[in-house]
Amino acid sequence: ESLEEAYLYTMSLESSCFFLYHLE
Protein backbone atom coordinates (compact mmCIF):
# COMPACT_ATOMS: atom_id res chain seq x y z
CA GLU A 1 0.00 0.00 0.00
CA SER A 2 3.12 2.19 0.26
CA LEU A 3 6.79 2.07 -0.68
CA GLU A 4 7.54 1.57 3.00
CA GLU A 5 5.39 -1.57 3.09
CA ALA A 6 6.98 -2.95 -0.10
CA TYR A 7 10.39 -2.19 1.44
CA LEU A 8 9.39 -4.06 4.63
CA TYR A 9 8.56 -7.17 2.56
CA THR A 10 11.83 -6.86 0.66
CA MET A 11 14.00 -6.48 3.75
CA SER A 12 12.18 -9.22 5.68
CA LEU A 13 12.60 -11.60 2.77
CA GLU A 14 16.30 -10.76 2.43
CA SER A 15 16.85 -11.23 6.16
CA SER A 16 15.15 -14.65 6.02
CA CYS A 17 17.25 -15.62 2.99
CA PHE A 18 20.41 -14.55 4.85
CA PHE A 19 19.56 -16.96 7.69
CA LEU A 20 18.49 -19.78 5.36
CA TYR A 21 21.65 -19.52 3.27
CA HIS A 22 23.93 -19.63 6.30
CA LEU A 23 21.98 -22.51 7.83
CA GLU A 24 22.41 -24.45 4.57
PDBML (XML) file of the C-alpha atoms, coordinates in Angstrom:
<?xml version="1.0" encoding="UTF-8" ?>
<PDBx:datablock datablockName="MODEL"
   xmlns:PDBx="http://pdbml.pdb.org/schema/pdbx-v50.xsd"
   xmlns:xsi="http://www.w3.org/2001/XMLSchema-instance"
   xsi:schemaLocation="http://pdbml.pdb.org/schema/pdbx-v50.xsd pdbx-v50.xsd">
   <PDBx:atom_siteCategory>
      <PDBx:atom_site id="1">
         <PDBx:B_iso_or_equiv>0.00</PDBx:B_iso_or_equiv>
         <PDBx:Cartn_x>0.000</PDBx:Cartn_x>
         <PDBx:Cartn_y>0.000</PDBx:Cartn_y>
         <PDBx:Cartn_z>0.000</PDBx:Cartn_z>
         <PDBx:auth_asym_id>A</PDBx:auth_asym_id>
         <PDBx:auth_atom_id>CA</PDBx:auth_atom_id>
         <PDBx:auth_comp_id>GLU</PDBx:auth_comp_id>
         <PDBx:auth_seq_id>1</PDBx:auth_seq_id>
         <PDBx:group_PDB>ATOM</PDBx:group_PDB>
         <PDBx:label_alt_id xsi:nil="true" />
         <PDBx:label_asym_id>A</PDBx:label_asym_id>
         <PDBx:label_atom_id>CA</PDBx:label_atom_id>
         <PDBx:label_comp_id>GLU</PDBx:label_comp_id>
         <PDBx:label_entity_id>1</PDBx:label_entity_id>
         <PDBx:label_seq_id>1</PDBx:label_seq_id>
         <PDBx:occupancy>1.00</PDBx:occupancy>
         <PDBx:pdbx_PDB_model_num>1</PDBx:pdbx_PDB_model_num>
         <PDBx:type_symbol>C</PDBx:type_symbol>
      </PDBx:atom_site>
      <PDBx:atom_site id="2">
         <PDBx:B_iso_or_equiv>0.00</PDBx:B_iso_or_equiv>
         <PDBx:Cartn_x>3.118</PDBx:Cartn_x>
         <PDBx:Cartn_y>2.193</PDBx:Cartn_y>
         <PDBx:Cartn_z>0.261</PDBx:Cartn_z>
         <PDBx:auth_asym_id>A</PDBx:auth_asym_id>
         <PDBx:auth_atom_id>CA</PDBx:auth_atom_id>
         <PDBx:auth_comp_id>SER</PDBx:auth_comp_id>
         <PDBx:auth_seq_id>2</PDBx:auth_seq_id>
         <PDBx:group_PDB>ATOM</PDBx:group_PDB>
         <PDBx:label_alt_id xsi:nil="true" />
         <PDBx:label_asym_id>A</PDBx:label_asym_id>
         <PDBx:label_atom_id>CA</PDBx:label_atom_id>
         <PDBx:label_comp_id>SER</PDBx:label_comp_id>
         <PDBx:label_entity_id>1</PDBx:label_entity_id>
         <PDBx:label_seq_id>2</PDBx:label_seq_id>
         <PDBx:occupancy>1.00</PDBx:occupancy>
         <PDBx:pdbx_PDB_model_num>1</PDBx:pdbx_PDB_model_num>
         <PDBx:type_symbol>C</PDBx:type_symbol>
      </PDBx:atom_site>
      <PDBx:atom_site id="3">
         <PDBx:B_iso_or_equiv>0.00</PDBx:B_iso_or_equiv>
         <PDBx:Cartn_x>6.787</PDBx:Cartn_x>
         <PDBx:Cartn_y>2.075</PDBx:Cartn_y>
         <PDBx:Cartn_z>-0.679</PDBx:Cartn_z>
         <PDBx:auth_asym_id>A</PDBx:auth_asym_id>
         <PDBx:auth_atom_id>CA</PDBx:auth_atom_id>
         <PDBx:auth_comp_id>LEU</PDBx:auth_comp_id>
         <PDBx:auth_seq_id>3</PDBx:auth_seq_id>
         <PDBx:group_PDB>ATOM</PDBx:group_PDB>
         <PDBx:label_alt_id xsi:nil="true" />
         <PDBx:label_asym_id>A</PDBx:label_asym_id>
         <PDBx:label_atom_id>CA</PDBx:label_atom_id>
         <PDBx:label_comp_id>LEU</PDBx:label_comp_id>
         <PDBx:label_entity_id>1</PDBx:label_entity_id>
         <PDBx:label_seq_id>3</PDBx:label_seq_id>
         <PDBx:occupancy>1.00</PDBx:occupancy>
         <PDBx:pdbx_PDB_model_num>1</PDBx:pdbx_PDB_model_num>
         <PDBx:type_symbol>C</PDBx:type_symbol>
      </PDBx:atom_site>
      <PDBx:atom_site id="4">
         <PDBx:B_iso_or_equiv>0.00</PDBx:B_iso_or_equiv>
         <PDBx:Cartn_x>7.538</PDBx:Cartn_x>
         <PDBx:Cartn_y>1.569</PDBx:Cartn_y>
         <PDBx:Cartn_z>3.002</PDBx:Cartn_z>
         <PDBx:auth_asym_id>A</PDBx:auth_asym_id>
         <PDBx:auth_atom_id>CA</PDBx:auth_atom_id>
         <PDBx:auth_comp_id>GLU</PDBx:auth_comp_id>
         <PDBx:auth_seq_id>4</PDBx:auth_seq_id>
         <PDBx:group_PDB>ATOM</PDBx:group_PDB>
         <PDBx:label_alt_id xsi:nil="true" />
         <PDBx:label_asym_id>A</PDBx:label_asym_id>
         <PDBx:label_atom_id>CA</PDBx:label_atom_id>
         <PDBx:label_comp_id>GLU</PDBx:label_comp_id>
         <PDBx:label_entity_id>1</PDBx:label_entity_id>
         <PDBx:label_seq_id>4</PDBx:label_seq_id>
         <PDBx:occupancy>1.00</PDBx:occupancy>
         <PDBx:pdbx_PDB_model_num>1</PDBx:pdbx_PDB_model_num>
         <PDBx:type_symbol>C</PDBx:type_symbol>
      </PDBx:atom_site>
      <PDBx:atom_site id="5">
         <PDBx:B_iso_or_equiv>0.00</PDBx:B_iso_or_equiv>
         <PDBx:Cartn_x>5.386</PDBx:Cartn_x>
         <PDBx:Cartn_y>-1.568</PDBx:Cartn_y>
         <PDBx:Cartn_z>3.088</PDBx:Cartn_z>
         <PDBx:auth_asym_id>A</PDBx:auth_asym_id>
         <PDBx:auth_atom_id>CA</PDBx:auth_atom_id>
         <PDBx:auth_comp_id>GLU</PDBx:auth_comp_id>
         <PDBx:auth_seq_id>5</PDBx:auth_seq_id>
         <PDBx:group_PDB>ATOM</PDBx:group_PDB>
         <PDBx:label_alt_id xsi:nil="true" />
         <PDBx:label_asym_id>A</PDBx:label_asym_id>
         <PDBx:label_atom_id>CA</PDBx:label_atom_id>
         <PDBx:label_comp_id>GLU</PDBx:label_comp_id>
         <PDBx:label_entity_id>1</PDBx:label_entity_id>
         <PDBx:label_seq_id>5</PDBx:label_seq_id>
         <PDBx:occupancy>1.00</PDBx:occupancy>
         <PDBx:pdbx_PDB_model_num>1</PDBx:pdbx_PDB_model_num>
         <PDBx:type_symbol>C</PDBx:type_symbol>
      </PDBx:atom_site>
      <PDBx:atom_site id="6">
         <PDBx:B_iso_or_equiv>0.00</PDBx:B_iso_or_equiv>
         <PDBx:Cartn_x>6.979</PDBx:Cartn_x>
         <PDBx:Cartn_y>-2.955</PDBx:Cartn_y>
         <PDBx:Cartn_z>-0.095</PDBx:Cartn_z>
         <PDBx:auth_asym_id>A</PDBx:auth_asym_id>
         <PDBx:auth_atom_id>CA</PDBx:auth_atom_id>
         <PDBx:auth_comp_id>ALA</PDBx:auth_comp_id>
         <PDBx:auth_seq_id>6</PDBx:auth_seq_id>
         <PDBx:group_PDB>ATOM</PDBx:group_PDB>
         <PDBx:label_alt_id xsi:nil="true" />
         <PDBx:label_asym_id>A</PDBx:label_asym_id>
         <PDBx:label_atom_id>CA</PDBx:label_atom_id>
         <PDBx:label_comp_id>ALA</PDBx:label_comp_id>
         <PDBx:label_entity_id>1</PDBx:label_entity_id>
         <PDBx:label_seq_id>6</PDBx:label_seq_id>
         <PDBx:occupancy>1.00</PDBx:occupancy>
         <PDBx:pdbx_PDB_model_num>1</PDBx:pdbx_PDB_model_num>
         <PDBx:type_symbol>C</PDBx:type_symbol>
      </PDBx:atom_site>
      <PDBx:atom_site id="7">
         <PDBx:B_iso_or_equiv>0.00</PDBx:B_iso_or_equiv>
         <PDBx:Cartn_x>10.394</PDBx:Cartn_x>
         <PDBx:Cartn_y>-2.189</PDBx:Cartn_y>
         <PDBx:Cartn_z>1.440</PDBx:Cartn_z>
         <PDBx:auth_asym_id>A</PDBx:auth_asym_id>
         <PDBx:auth_atom_id>CA</PDBx:auth_atom_id>
         <PDBx:auth_comp_id>TYR</PDBx:auth_comp_id>
         <PDBx:auth_seq_id>7</PDBx:auth_seq_id>
         <PDBx:group_PDB>ATOM</PDBx:group_PDB>
         <PDBx:label_alt_id xsi:nil="true" />
         <PDBx:label_asym_id>A</PDBx:label_asym_id>
         <PDBx:label_atom_id>CA</PDBx:label_atom_id>
         <PDBx:label_comp_id>TYR</PDBx:label_comp_id>
         <PDBx:label_entity_id>1</PDBx:label_entity_id>
         <PDBx:label_seq_id>7</PDBx:label_seq_id>
         <PDBx:occupancy>1.00</PDBx:occupancy>
         <PDBx:pdbx_PDB_model_num>1</PDBx:pdbx_PDB_model_num>
         <PDBx:type_symbol>C</PDBx:type_symbol>
      </PDBx:atom_site>
      <PDBx:atom_site id="8">
         <PDBx:B_iso_or_equiv>0.00</PDBx:B_iso_or_equiv>
         <PDBx:Cartn_x>9.389</PDBx:Cartn_x>
         <PDBx:Cartn_y>-4.056</PDBx:Cartn_y>
         <PDBx:Cartn_z>4.628</PDBx:Cartn_z>
         <PDBx:auth_asym_id>A</PDBx:auth_asym_id>
         <PDBx:auth_atom_id>CA</PDBx:auth_atom_id>
         <PDBx:auth_comp_id>LEU</PDBx:auth_comp_id>
         <PDBx:auth_seq_id>8</PDBx:auth_seq_id>
         <PDBx:group_PDB>ATOM</PDBx:group_PDB>
         <PDBx:label_alt_id xsi:nil="true" />
         <PDBx:label_asym_id>A</PDBx:label_asym_id>
         <PDBx:label_atom_id>CA</PDBx:label_atom_id>
         <PDBx:label_comp_id>LEU</PDBx:label_comp_id>
         <PDBx:label_entity_id>1</PDBx:label_entity_id>
         <PDBx:label_seq_id>8</PDBx:label_seq_id>
         <PDBx:occupancy>1.00</PDBx:occupancy>
         <PDBx:pdbx_PDB_model_num>1</PDBx:pdbx_PDB_model_num>
         <PDBx:type_symbol>C</PDBx:type_symbol>
      </PDBx:atom_site>
      <PDBx:atom_site id="9">
         <PDBx:B_iso_or_equiv>0.00</PDBx:B_iso_or_equiv>
         <PDBx:Cartn_x>8.556</PDBx:Cartn_x>
         <PDBx:Cartn_y>-7.170</PDBx:Cartn_y>
         <PDBx:Cartn_z>2.564</PDBx:Cartn_z>
         <PDBx:auth_asym_id>A</PDBx:auth_asym_id>
         <PDBx:auth_atom_id>CA</PDBx:auth_atom_id>
         <PDBx:auth_comp_id>TYR</PDBx:auth_comp_id>
         <PDBx:auth_seq_id>9</PDBx:auth_seq_id>
         <PDBx:group_PDB>ATOM</PDBx:group_PDB>
         <PDBx:label_alt_id xsi:nil="true" />
         <PDBx:label_asym_id>A</PDBx:label_asym_id>
         <PDBx:label_atom_id>CA</PDBx:label_atom_id>
         <PDBx:label_comp_id>TYR</PDBx:label_comp_id>
         <PDBx:label_entity_id>1</PDBx:label_entity_id>
         <PDBx:label_seq_id>9</PDBx:label_seq_id>
         <PDBx:occupancy>1.00</PDBx:occupancy>
         <PDBx:pdbx_PDB_model_num>1</PDBx:pdbx_PDB_model_num>
         <PDBx:type_symbol>C</PDBx:type_symbol>
      </PDBx:atom_site>
      <PDBx:atom_site id="10">
         <PDBx:B_iso_or_equiv>0.00</PDBx:B_iso_or_equiv>
         <PDBx:Cartn_x>11.828</PDBx:Cartn_x>
         <PDBx:Cartn_y>-6.858</PDBx:Cartn_y>
         <PDBx:Cartn_z>0.665</PDBx:Cartn_z>
         <PDBx:auth_asym_id>A</PDBx:auth_asym_id>
         <PDBx:auth_atom_id>CA</PDBx:auth_atom_id>
         <PDBx:auth_comp_id>THR</PDBx:auth_comp_id>
         <PDBx:auth_seq_id>10</PDBx:auth_seq_id>
         <PDBx:group_PDB>ATOM</PDBx:group_PDB>
         <PDBx:label_alt_id xsi:nil="true" />
         <PDBx:label_asym_id>A</PDBx:label_asym_id>
         <PDBx:label_atom_id>CA</PDBx:label_atom_id>
         <PDBx:label_comp_id>THR</PDBx:label_comp_id>
         <PDBx:label_entity_id>1</PDBx:label_entity_id>
         <PDBx:label_seq_id>10</PDBx:label_seq_id>
         <PDBx:occupancy>1.00</PDBx:occupancy>
         <PDBx:pdbx_PDB_model_num>1</PDBx:pdbx_PDB_model_num>
         <PDBx:type_symbol>C</PDBx:type_symbol>
      </PDBx:atom_site>
      <PDBx:atom_site id="11">
         <PDBx:B_iso_or_equiv>0.00</PDBx:B_iso_or_equiv>
         <PDBx:Cartn_x>14.003</PDBx:Cartn_x>
         <PDBx:Cartn_y>-6.476</PDBx:Cartn_y>
         <PDBx:Cartn_z>3.752</PDBx:Cartn_z>
         <PDBx:auth_asym_id>A</PDBx:auth_asym_id>
         <PDBx:auth_atom_id>CA</PDBx:auth_atom_id>
         <PDBx:auth_comp_id>MET</PDBx:auth_comp_id>
         <PDBx:auth_seq_id>11</PDBx:auth_seq_id>
         <PDBx:group_PDB>ATOM</PDBx:group_PDB>
         <PDBx:label_alt_id xsi:nil="true" />
         <PDBx:label_asym_id>A</PDBx:label_asym_id>
         <PDBx:label_atom_id>CA</PDBx:label_atom_id>
         <PDBx:label_comp_id>MET</PDBx:label_comp_id>
         <PDBx:label_entity_id>1</PDBx:label_entity_id>
         <PDBx:label_seq_id>11</PDBx:label_seq_id>
         <PDBx:occupancy>1.00</PDBx:occupancy>
         <PDBx:pdbx_PDB_model_num>1</PDBx:pdbx_PDB_model_num>
         <PDBx:type_symbol>C</PDBx:type_symbol>
      </PDBx:atom_site>
      <PDBx:atom_site id="12">
         <PDBx:B_iso_or_equiv>0.00</PDBx:B_iso_or_equiv>
         <PDBx:Cartn_x>12.185</PDBx:Cartn_x>
         <PDBx:Cartn_y>-9.217</PDBx:Cartn_y>
         <PDBx:Cartn_z>5.680</PDBx:Cartn_z>
         <PDBx:auth_asym_id>A</PDBx:auth_asym_id>
         <PDBx:auth_atom_id>CA</PDBx:auth_atom_id>
         <PDBx:auth_comp_id>SER</PDBx:auth_comp_id>
         <PDBx:auth_seq_id>12</PDBx:auth_seq_id>
         <PDBx:group_PDB>ATOM</PDBx:group_PDB>
         <PDBx:label_alt_id xsi:nil="true" />
         <PDBx:label_asym_id>A</PDBx:label_asym_id>
         <PDBx:label_atom_id>CA</PDBx:label_atom_id>
         <PDBx:label_comp_id>SER</PDBx:label_comp_id>
         <PDBx:label_entity_id>1</PDBx:label_entity_id>
         <PDBx:label_seq_id>12</PDBx:label_seq_id>
         <PDBx:occupancy>1.00</PDBx:occupancy>
         <PDBx:pdbx_PDB_model_num>1</PDBx:pdbx_PDB_model_num>
         <PDBx:type_symbol>C</PDBx:type_symbol>
      </PDBx:atom_site>
      <PDBx:atom_site id="13">
         <PDBx:B_iso_or_equiv>0.00</PDBx:B_iso_or_equiv>
         <PDBx:Cartn_x>12.602</PDBx:Cartn_x>
         <PDBx:Cartn_y>-11.604</PDBx:Cartn_y>
         <PDBx:Cartn_z>2.768</PDBx:Cartn_z>
         <PDBx:auth_asym_id>A</PDBx:auth_asym_id>
         <PDBx:auth_atom_id>CA</PDBx:auth_atom_id>
         <PDBx:auth_comp_id>LEU</PDBx:auth_comp_id>
         <PDBx:auth_seq_id>13</PDBx:auth_seq_id>
         <PDBx:group_PDB>ATOM</PDBx:group_PDB>
         <PDBx:label_alt_id xsi:nil="true" />
         <PDBx:label_asym_id>A</PDBx:label_asym_id>
         <PDBx:label_atom_id>CA</PDBx:label_atom_id>
         <PDBx:label_comp_id>LEU</PDBx:label_comp_id>
         <PDBx:label_entity_id>1</PDBx:label_entity_id>
         <PDBx:label_seq_id>13</PDBx:label_seq_id>
         <PDBx:occupancy>1.00</PDBx:occupancy>
         <PDBx:pdbx_PDB_model_num>1</PDBx:pdbx_PDB_model_num>
         <PDBx:type_symbol>C</PDBx:type_symbol>
      </PDBx:atom_site>
      <PDBx:atom_site id="14">
         <PDBx:B_iso_or_equiv>0.00</PDBx:B_iso_or_equiv>
         <PDBx:Cartn_x>16.297</PDBx:Cartn_x>
         <PDBx:Cartn_y>-10.759</PDBx:Cartn_y>
         <PDBx:Cartn_z>2.428</PDBx:Cartn_z>
         <PDBx:auth_asym_id>A</PDBx:auth_asym_id>
         <PDBx:auth_atom_id>CA</PDBx:auth_atom_id>
         <PDBx:auth_comp_id>GLU</PDBx:auth_comp_id>
         <PDBx:auth_seq_id>14</PDBx:auth_seq_id>
         <PDBx:group_PDB>ATOM</PDBx:group_PDB>
         <PDBx:label_alt_id xsi:nil="true" />
         <PDBx:label_asym_id>A</PDBx:label_asym_id>
         <PDBx:label_atom_id>CA</PDBx:label_atom_id>
         <PDBx:label_comp_id>GLU</PDBx:label_comp_id>
         <PDBx:label_entity_id>1</PDBx:label_entity_id>
         <PDBx:label_seq_id>14</PDBx:label_seq_id>
         <PDBx:occupancy>1.00</PDBx:occupancy>
         <PDBx:pdbx_PDB_model_num>1</PDBx:pdbx_PDB_model_num>
         <PDBx:type_symbol>C</PDBx:type_symbol>
      </PDBx:atom_site>
      <PDBx:atom_site id="15">
         <PDBx:B_iso_or_equiv>0.00</PDBx:B_iso_or_equiv>
         <PDBx:Cartn_x>16.847</PDBx:Cartn_x>
         <PDBx:Cartn_y>-11.232</PDBx:Cartn_y>
         <PDBx:Cartn_z>6.156</PDBx:Cartn_z>
         <PDBx:auth_asym_id>A</PDBx:auth_asym_id>
         <PDBx:auth_atom_id>CA</PDBx:auth_atom_id>
         <PDBx:auth_comp_id>SER</PDBx:auth_comp_id>
         <PDBx:auth_seq_id>15</PDBx:auth_seq_id>
         <PDBx:group_PDB>ATOM</PDBx:group_PDB>
         <PDBx:label_alt_id xsi:nil="true" />
         <PDBx:label_asym_id>A</PDBx:label_asym_id>
         <PDBx:label_atom_id>CA</PDBx:label_atom_id>
         <PDBx:label_comp_id>SER</PDBx:label_comp_id>
         <PDBx:label_entity_id>1</PDBx:label_entity_id>
         <PDBx:label_seq_id>15</PDBx:label_seq_id>
         <PDBx:occupancy>1.00</PDBx:occupancy>
         <PDBx:pdbx_PDB_model_num>1</PDBx:pdbx_PDB_model_num>
         <PDBx:type_symbol>C</PDBx:type_symbol>
      </PDBx:atom_site>
      <PDBx:atom_site id="16">
         <PDBx:B_iso_or_equiv>0.00</PDBx:B_iso_or_equiv>
         <PDBx:Cartn_x>15.153</PDBx:Cartn_x>
         <PDBx:Cartn_y>-14.650</PDBx:Cartn_y>
         <PDBx:Cartn_z>6.019</PDBx:Cartn_z>
         <PDBx:auth_asym_id>A</PDBx:auth_asym_id>
         <PDBx:auth_atom_id>CA</PDBx:auth_atom_id>
         <PDBx:auth_comp_id>SER</PDBx:auth_comp_id>
         <PDBx:auth_seq_id>16</PDBx:auth_seq_id>
         <PDBx:group_PDB>ATOM</PDBx:group_PDB>
         <PDBx:label_alt_id xsi:nil="true" />
         <PDBx:label_asym_id>A</PDBx:label_asym_id>
         <PDBx:label_atom_id>CA</PDBx:label_atom_id>
         <PDBx:label_comp_id>SER</PDBx:label_comp_id>
         <PDBx:label_entity_id>1</PDBx:label_entity_id>
         <PDBx:label_seq_id>16</PDBx:label_seq_id>
         <PDBx:occupancy>1.00</PDBx:occupancy>
         <PDBx:pdbx_PDB_model_num>1</PDBx:pdbx_PDB_model_num>
         <PDBx:type_symbol>C</PDBx:type_symbol>
      </PDBx:atom_site>
      <PDBx:atom_site id="17">
         <PDBx:B_iso_or_equiv>0.00</PDBx:B_iso_or_equiv>
         <PDBx:Cartn_x>17.250</PDBx:Cartn_x>
         <PDBx:Cartn_y>-15.615</PDBx:Cartn_y>
         <PDBx:Cartn_z>2.989</PDBx:Cartn_z>
         <PDBx:auth_asym_id>A</PDBx:auth_asym_id>
         <PDBx:auth_atom_id>CA</PDBx:auth_atom_id>
         <PDBx:auth_comp_id>CYS</PDBx:auth_comp_id>
         <PDBx:auth_seq_id>17</PDBx:auth_seq_id>
         <PDBx:group_PDB>ATOM</PDBx:group_PDB>
         <PDBx:label_alt_id xsi:nil="true" />
         <PDBx:label_asym_id>A</PDBx:label_asym_id>
         <PDBx:label_atom_id>CA</PDBx:label_atom_id>
         <PDBx:label_comp_id>CYS</PDBx:label_comp_id>
         <PDBx:label_entity_id>1</PDBx:label_entity_id>
         <PDBx:label_seq_id>17</PDBx:label_seq_id>
         <PDBx:occupancy>1.00</PDBx:occupancy>
         <PDBx:pdbx_PDB_model_num>1</PDBx:pdbx_PDB_model_num>
         <PDBx:type_symbol>C</PDBx:type_symbol>
      </PDBx:atom_site>
      <PDBx:atom_site id="18">
         <PDBx:B_iso_or_equiv>0.00</PDBx:B_iso_or_equiv>
         <PDBx:Cartn_x>20.406</PDBx:Cartn_x>
         <PDBx:Cartn_y>-14.550</PDBx:Cartn_y>
         <PDBx:Cartn_z>4.853</PDBx:Cartn_z>
         <PDBx:auth_asym_id>A</PDBx:auth_asym_id>
         <PDBx:auth_atom_id>CA</PDBx:auth_atom_id>
         <PDBx:auth_comp_id>PHE</PDBx:auth_comp_id>
         <PDBx:auth_seq_id>18</PDBx:auth_seq_id>
         <PDBx:group_PDB>ATOM</PDBx:group_PDB>
         <PDBx:label_alt_id xsi:nil="true" />
         <PDBx:label_asym_id>A</PDBx:label_asym_id>
         <PDBx:label_atom_id>CA</PDBx:label_atom_id>
         <PDBx:label_comp_id>PHE</PDBx:label_comp_id>
         <PDBx:label_entity_id>1</PDBx:label_entity_id>
         <PDBx:label_seq_id>18</PDBx:label_seq_id>
         <PDBx:occupancy>1.00</PDBx:occupancy>
         <PDBx:pdbx_PDB_model_num>1</PDBx:pdbx_PDB_model_num>
         <PDBx:type_symbol>C</PDBx:type_symbol>
      </PDBx:atom_site>
      <PDBx:atom_site id="19">
         <PDBx:B_iso_or_equiv>0.00</PDBx:B_iso_or_equiv>
         <PDBx:Cartn_x>19.562</PDBx:Cartn_x>
         <PDBx:Cartn_y>-16.956</PDBx:Cartn_y>
         <PDBx:Cartn_z>7.691</PDBx:Cartn_z>
         <PDBx:auth_asym_id>A</PDBx:auth_asym_id>
         <PDBx:auth_atom_id>CA</PDBx:auth_atom_id>
         <PDBx:auth_comp_id>PHE</PDBx:auth_comp_id>
         <PDBx:auth_seq_id>19</PDBx:auth_seq_id>
         <PDBx:group_PDB>ATOM</PDBx:group_PDB>
         <PDBx:label_alt_id xsi:nil="true" />
         <PDBx:label_asym_id>A</PDBx:label_asym_id>
         <PDBx:label_atom_id>CA</PDBx:label_atom_id>
         <PDBx:label_comp_id>PHE</PDBx:label_comp_id>
         <PDBx:label_entity_id>1</PDBx:label_entity_id>
         <PDBx:label_seq_id>19</PDBx:label_seq_id>
         <PDBx:occupancy>1.00</PDBx:occupancy>
         <PDBx:pdbx_PDB_model_num>1</PDBx:pdbx_PDB_model_num>
         <PDBx:type_symbol>C</PDBx:type_symbol>
      </PDBx:atom_site>
      <PDBx:atom_site id="20">
         <PDBx:B_iso_or_equiv>0.00</PDBx:B_iso_or_equiv>
         <PDBx:Cartn_x>18.485</PDBx:Cartn_x>
         <PDBx:Cartn_y>-19.779</PDBx:Cartn_y>
         <PDBx:Cartn_z>5.362</PDBx:Cartn_z>
         <PDBx:auth_asym_id>A</PDBx:auth_asym_id>
         <PDBx:auth_atom_id>CA</PDBx:auth_atom_id>
         <PDBx:auth_comp_id>LEU</PDBx:auth_comp_id>
         <PDBx:auth_seq_id>20</PDBx:auth_seq_id>
         <PDBx:group_PDB>ATOM</PDBx:group_PDB>
         <PDBx:label_alt_id xsi:nil="true" />
         <PDBx:label_asym_id>A</PDBx:label_asym_id>
         <PDBx:label_atom_id>CA</PDBx:label_atom_id>
         <PDBx:label_comp_id>LEU</PDBx:label_comp_id>
         <PDBx:label_entity_id>1</PDBx:label_entity_id>
         <PDBx:label_seq_id>20</PDBx:label_seq_id>
         <PDBx:occupancy>1.00</PDBx:occupancy>
         <PDBx:pdbx_PDB_model_num>1</PDBx:pdbx_PDB_model_num>
         <PDBx:type_symbol>C</PDBx:type_symbol>
      </PDBx:atom_site>
      <PDBx:atom_site id="21">
         <PDBx:B_iso_or_equiv>0.00</PDBx:B_iso_or_equiv>
         <PDBx:Cartn_x>21.647</PDBx:Cartn_x>
         <PDBx:Cartn_y>-19.524</PDBx:Cartn_y>
         <PDBx:Cartn_z>3.270</PDBx:Cartn_z>
         <PDBx:auth_asym_id>A</PDBx:auth_asym_id>
         <PDBx:auth_atom_id>CA</PDBx:auth_atom_id>
         <PDBx:auth_comp_id>TYR</PDBx:auth_comp_id>
         <PDBx:auth_seq_id>21</PDBx:auth_seq_id>
         <PDBx:group_PDB>ATOM</PDBx:group_PDB>
         <PDBx:label_alt_id xsi:nil="true" />
         <PDBx:label_asym_id>A</PDBx:label_asym_id>
         <PDBx:label_atom_id>CA</PDBx:label_atom_id>
         <PDBx:label_comp_id>TYR</PDBx:label_comp_id>
         <PDBx:label_entity_id>1</PDBx:label_entity_id>
         <PDBx:label_seq_id>21</PDBx:label_seq_id>
         <PDBx:occupancy>1.00</PDBx:occupancy>
         <PDBx:pdbx_PDB_model_num>1</PDBx:pdbx_PDB_model_num>
         <PDBx:type_symbol>C</PDBx:type_symbol>
      </PDBx:atom_site>
      <PDBx:atom_site id="22">
         <PDBx:B_iso_or_equiv>0.00</PDBx:B_iso_or_equiv>
         <PDBx:Cartn_x>23.926</PDBx:Cartn_x>
         <PDBx:Cartn_y>-19.626</PDBx:Cartn_y>
         <PDBx:Cartn_z>6.304</PDBx:Cartn_z>
         <PDBx:auth_asym_id>A</PDBx:auth_asym_id>
         <PDBx:auth_atom_id>CA</PDBx:auth_atom_id>
         <PDBx:auth_comp_id>HIS</PDBx:auth_comp_id>
         <PDBx:auth_seq_id>22</PDBx:auth_seq_id>
         <PDBx:group_PDB>ATOM</PDBx:group_PDB>
         <PDBx:label_alt_id xsi:nil="true" />
         <PDBx:label_asym_id>A</PDBx:label_asym_id>
         <PDBx:label_atom_id>CA</PDBx:label_atom_id>
         <PDBx:label_comp_id>HIS</PDBx:label_comp_id>
         <PDBx:label_entity_id>1</PDBx:label_entity_id>
         <PDBx:label_seq_id>22</PDBx:label_seq_id>
         <PDBx:occupancy>1.00</PDBx:occupancy>
         <PDBx:pdbx_PDB_model_num>1</PDBx:pdbx_PDB_model_num>
         <PDBx:type_symbol>C</PDBx:type_symbol>
      </PDBx:atom_site>
      <PDBx:atom_site id="23">
         <PDBx:B_iso_or_equiv>0.00</PDBx:B_iso_or_equiv>
         <PDBx:Cartn_x>21.984</PDBx:Cartn_x>
         <PDBx:Cartn_y>-22.509</PDBx:Cartn_y>
         <PDBx:Cartn_z>7.826</PDBx:Cartn_z>
         <PDBx:auth_asym_id>A</PDBx:auth_asym_id>
         <PDBx:auth_atom_id>CA</PDBx:auth_atom_id>
         <PDBx:auth_comp_id>LEU</PDBx:auth_comp_id>
         <PDBx:auth_seq_id>23</PDBx:auth_seq_id>
         <PDBx:group_PDB>ATOM</PDBx:group_PDB>
         <PDBx:label_alt_id xsi:nil="true" />
         <PDBx:label_asym_id>A</PDBx:label_asym_id>
         <PDBx:label_atom_id>CA</PDBx:label_atom_id>
         <PDBx:label_comp_id>LEU</PDBx:label_comp_id>
         <PDBx:label_entity_id>1</PDBx:label_entity_id>
         <PDBx:label_seq_id>23</PDBx:label_seq_id>
         <PDBx:occupancy>1.00</PDBx:occupancy>
         <PDBx:pdbx_PDB_model_num>1</PDBx:pdbx_PDB_model_num>
         <PDBx:type_symbol>C</PDBx:type_symbol>
      </PDBx:atom_site>
      <PDBx:atom_site id="24">
         <PDBx:B_iso_or_equiv>0.00</PDBx:B_iso_or_equiv>
         <PDBx:Cartn_x>22.410</PDBx:Cartn_x>
         <PDBx:Cartn_y>-24.450</PDBx:Cartn_y>
         <PDBx:Cartn_z>4.574</PDBx:Cartn_z>
         <PDBx:auth_asym_id>A</PDBx:auth_asym_id>
         <PDBx:auth_atom_id>CA</PDBx:auth_atom_id>
         <PDBx:auth_comp_id>GLU</PDBx:auth_comp_id>
         <PDBx:auth_seq_id>24</PDBx:auth_seq_id>
         <PDBx:group_PDB>ATOM</PDBx:group_PDB>
         <PDBx:label_alt_id xsi:nil="true" />
         <PDBx:label_asym_id>A</PDBx:label_asym_id>
         <PDBx:label_atom_id>CA</PDBx:label_atom_id>
         <PDBx:label_comp_id>GLU</PDBx:label_comp_id>
         <PDBx:label_entity_id>1</PDBx:label_entity_id>
         <PDBx:label_seq_id>24</PDBx:label_seq_id>
         <PDBx:occupancy>1.00</PDBx:occupancy>
         <PDBx:pdbx_PDB_model_num>1</PDBx:pdbx_PDB_model_num>
         <PDBx:type_symbol>C</PDBx:type_symbol>
      </PDBx:atom_site>
   </PDBx:atom_siteCategory>
</PDBx:datablock>
